[in-house]
């Protein structure tokens, strides 16, 4: 299960706070949540501090989003997985 909570920061920066596991169908759900903000070129931050597991498809999506300018606020666990894939 993955919980996605959208908030707007005082500086106009959109923030998505994720909680749970970024796996399977939740990867597509996160892609759908991010795409309108990324396409509009507004700043976006993904708060991944409460994500406990990310599968390969989730890591691919996070890498792609990072390359598109999305800021990834990661726990040490997720940051290490991204580093191992060469994304950080």
C-alpha atoms as a PDB file:
ATOM      1  CA  UNK A   1       0.000   0.000   0.000  1.00  0.00           C
ATOM      2  CA  UNK A   2       1.133   3.534  -0.753  1.00  0.00           C
ATOM      3  CA  UNK A   3      -0.353   6.740   0.624  1.00  0.00           C
ATOM      4  CA  UNK A   4       0.230   9.888  -1.451  1.00  0.00           C
ATOM      5  CA  UNK A   5      -0.575  13.224   0.159  1.00  0.00           C
ATOM      6  CA  UNK A   6      -0.307  16.416  -1.900  1.00  0.00           C
ATOM      7  CA  UNK A   7       0.498  19.755  -0.312  1.00  0.00           C
ATOM      8  CA  UNK A   8       1.444  23.161  -1.604  1.00  0.00           C
ATOM      9  CA  UNK A   9       4.362  24.944   0.014  1.00  0.00           C
ATOM     10  CA  UNK A  10       4.362  28.680   0.770  1.00  0.00           C
ATOM     11  CA  UNK A  11       6.852  29.222  -2.057  1.00  0.00           C
ATOM     12  CA  UNK A  12       4.507  27.663  -4.646  1.00  0.00           C
ATOM     13  CA  UNK A  13       6.428  24.410  -4.665  1.00  0.00           C
ATOM     14  CA  UNK A  14       4.260  21.313  -4.862  1.00  0.00           C
ATOM     15  CA  UNK A  15       5.088  18.505  -2.465  1.00  0.00           C
ATOM     16  CA  UNK A  16       3.963  14.894  -2.531  1.00  0.00           C
ATOM     17  CA  UNK A  17       4.447  12.996   0.721  1.00  0.00           C
ATOM     18  CA  UNK A  18       4.612   9.234   0.247  1.00  0.00           C
ATOM     19  CA  UNK A  19       4.133   6.633   2.929  1.00  0.00           C
ATOM     20  CA  UNK A  20       4.408   2.859   2.511  1.00  0.00           C
ATOM     21  CA  UNK A  21       5.707   0.725  -0.350  1.00  0.00           C
ATOM     22  CA  UNK A  22       6.382   2.008  -3.870  1.00  0.00           C
ATOM     23  CA  UNK A  23       5.687  -1.212  -5.773  1.00  0.00           C
ATOM     24  CA  UNK A  24       3.551  -2.639  -8.573  1.00  0.00           C
ATOM     25  CA  UNK A  25       0.428  -0.585  -9.313  1.00  0.00           C
ATOM     26  CA  UNK A  26       1.499   2.177  -6.941  1.00  0.00           C
ATOM     27  CA  UNK A  27       4.346   3.079  -9.307  1.00  0.00           C
ATOM     28  CA  UNK A  28       1.830   3.984 -12.022  1.00  0.00           C
ATOM     29  CA  UNK A  29      -0.255   5.868  -9.449  1.00  0.00           C
ATOM     30  CA  UNK A  30       2.762   7.970  -8.459  1.00  0.00           C
ATOM     31  CA  UNK A  31       3.542   8.625 -12.136  1.00  0.00           C
ATOM     32  CA  UNK A  32      -0.033   9.891 -12.643  1.00  0.00           C
ATOM     33  CA  UNK A  33       0.228  12.114  -9.560  1.00  0.00           C
ATOM     34  CA  UNK A  34       3.544  13.646 -10.678  1.00  0.00           C
ATOM     35  CA  UNK A  35       2.995  14.112 -14.392  1.00  0.00           C
ATOM     36  CA  UNK A  36       0.730  17.207 -14.347  1.00  0.00           C
ATOM     37  CA  UNK A  37       3.132  19.086 -12.068  1.00  0.00           C
ATOM     38  CA  UNK A  38       6.248  18.017 -13.979  1.00  0.00           C
ATOM     39  CA  UNK A  39       4.632  18.825 -17.341  1.00  0.00           C
ATOM     40  CA  UNK A  40       3.738  22.310 -16.105  1.00  0.00           C
ATOM     41  CA  UNK A  41       7.396  22.844 -15.104  1.00  0.00           C
ATOM     42  CA  UNK A  42       6.398  23.806 -11.555  1.00  0.00           C
ATOM     43  CA  UNK A  43       8.834  22.754  -8.827  1.00  0.00           C
ATOM     44  CA  UNK A  44       7.996  19.414  -7.226  1.00  0.00           C
ATOM     45  CA  UNK A  45       9.396  17.700  -4.150  1.00  0.00           C
ATOM     46  CA  UNK A  46       8.775  14.039  -3.353  1.00  0.00           C
ATOM     47  CA  UNK A  47       8.999  13.380   0.375  1.00  0.00           C
ATOM     48  CA  UNK A  48      10.077   9.726   0.518  1.00  0.00           C
ATOM     49  CA  UNK A  49      11.077   9.732   4.180  1.00  0.00           C
ATOM     50  CA  UNK A  50       8.242   7.323   5.111  1.00  0.00           C
ATOM     51  CA  UNK A  51       8.747   4.917   2.175  1.00  0.00           C
ATOM     52  CA  UNK A  52       9.816   1.508   3.486  1.00  0.00           C
ATOM     53  CA  UNK A  53      10.401  -0.348   0.203  1.00  0.00           C
ATOM     54  CA  UNK A  54      10.838   0.467  -3.491  1.00  0.00           C
ATOM     55  CA  UNK A  55      10.810  -2.167  -6.246  1.00  0.00           C
ATOM     56  CA  UNK A  56      12.810  -1.955  -9.494  1.00  0.00           C
ATOM     57  CA  UNK A  57      10.018  -0.174 -11.391  1.00  0.00           C
ATOM     58  CA  UNK A  58       9.691   2.331  -8.550  1.00  0.00           C
ATOM     59  CA  UNK A  59      13.416   3.019  -8.594  1.00  0.00           C
ATOM     60  CA  UNK A  60      13.291   3.516 -12.377  1.00  0.00           C
ATOM     61  CA  UNK A  61      10.484   6.052 -11.946  1.00  0.00           C
ATOM     62  CA  UNK A  62      12.304   7.913  -9.168  1.00  0.00           C
ATOM     63  CA  UNK A  63      15.460   8.071 -11.290  1.00  0.00           C
ATOM     64  CA  UNK A  64      13.492   9.403 -14.269  1.00  0.00           C
ATOM     65  CA  UNK A  65      11.717  11.997 -12.120  1.00  0.00           C
ATOM     66  CA  UNK A  66      15.030  13.095 -10.612  1.00  0.00           C
ATOM     67  CA  UNK A  67      16.442  13.558 -14.104  1.00  0.00           C
ATOM     68  CA  UNK A  68      13.437  15.753 -14.917  1.00  0.00           C
ATOM     69  CA  UNK A  69      14.200  18.062 -11.988  1.00  0.00           C
ATOM     70  CA  UNK A  70      11.981  16.609  -9.273  1.00  0.00           C
ATOM     71  CA  UNK A  71      13.633  16.946  -5.856  1.00  0.00           C
ATOM     72  CA  UNK A  72      13.775  13.626  -3.985  1.00  0.00           C
ATOM     73  CA  UNK A  73      13.758  14.006  -0.208  1.00  0.00           C
ATOM     74  CA  UNK A  74      14.771  10.448   0.712  1.00  0.00           C
ATOM     75  CA  UNK A  75      15.331   8.336   3.752  1.00  0.00           C
ATOM     76  CA  UNK A  76      18.787   6.799   3.954  1.00  0.00           C
ATOM     77  CA  UNK A  77      17.335   3.488   2.764  1.00  0.00           C
ATOM     78  CA  UNK A  78      15.851   4.899  -0.450  1.00  0.00           C
ATOM     79  CA  UNK A  79      18.851   7.148  -1.077  1.00  0.00           C
ATOM     80  CA  UNK A  80      21.167   4.130  -0.908  1.00  0.00           C
ATOM     81  CA  UNK A  81      19.004   2.200  -3.375  1.00  0.00           C
ATOM     82  CA  UNK A  82      19.105   5.151  -5.786  1.00  0.00           C
ATOM     83  CA  UNK A  83      22.878   5.467  -5.382  1.00  0.00           C
ATOM     84  CA  UNK A  84      23.294   1.758  -6.138  1.00  0.00           C
ATOM     85  CA  UNK A  85      21.412   2.312  -9.416  1.00  0.00           C
ATOM     86  CA  UNK A  86      23.562   5.327 -10.290  1.00  0.00           C
ATOM     87  CA  UNK A  87      20.729   7.814  -9.836  1.00  0.00           C
ATOM     88  CA  UNK A  88      22.288   9.995  -7.140  1.00  0.00           C
END
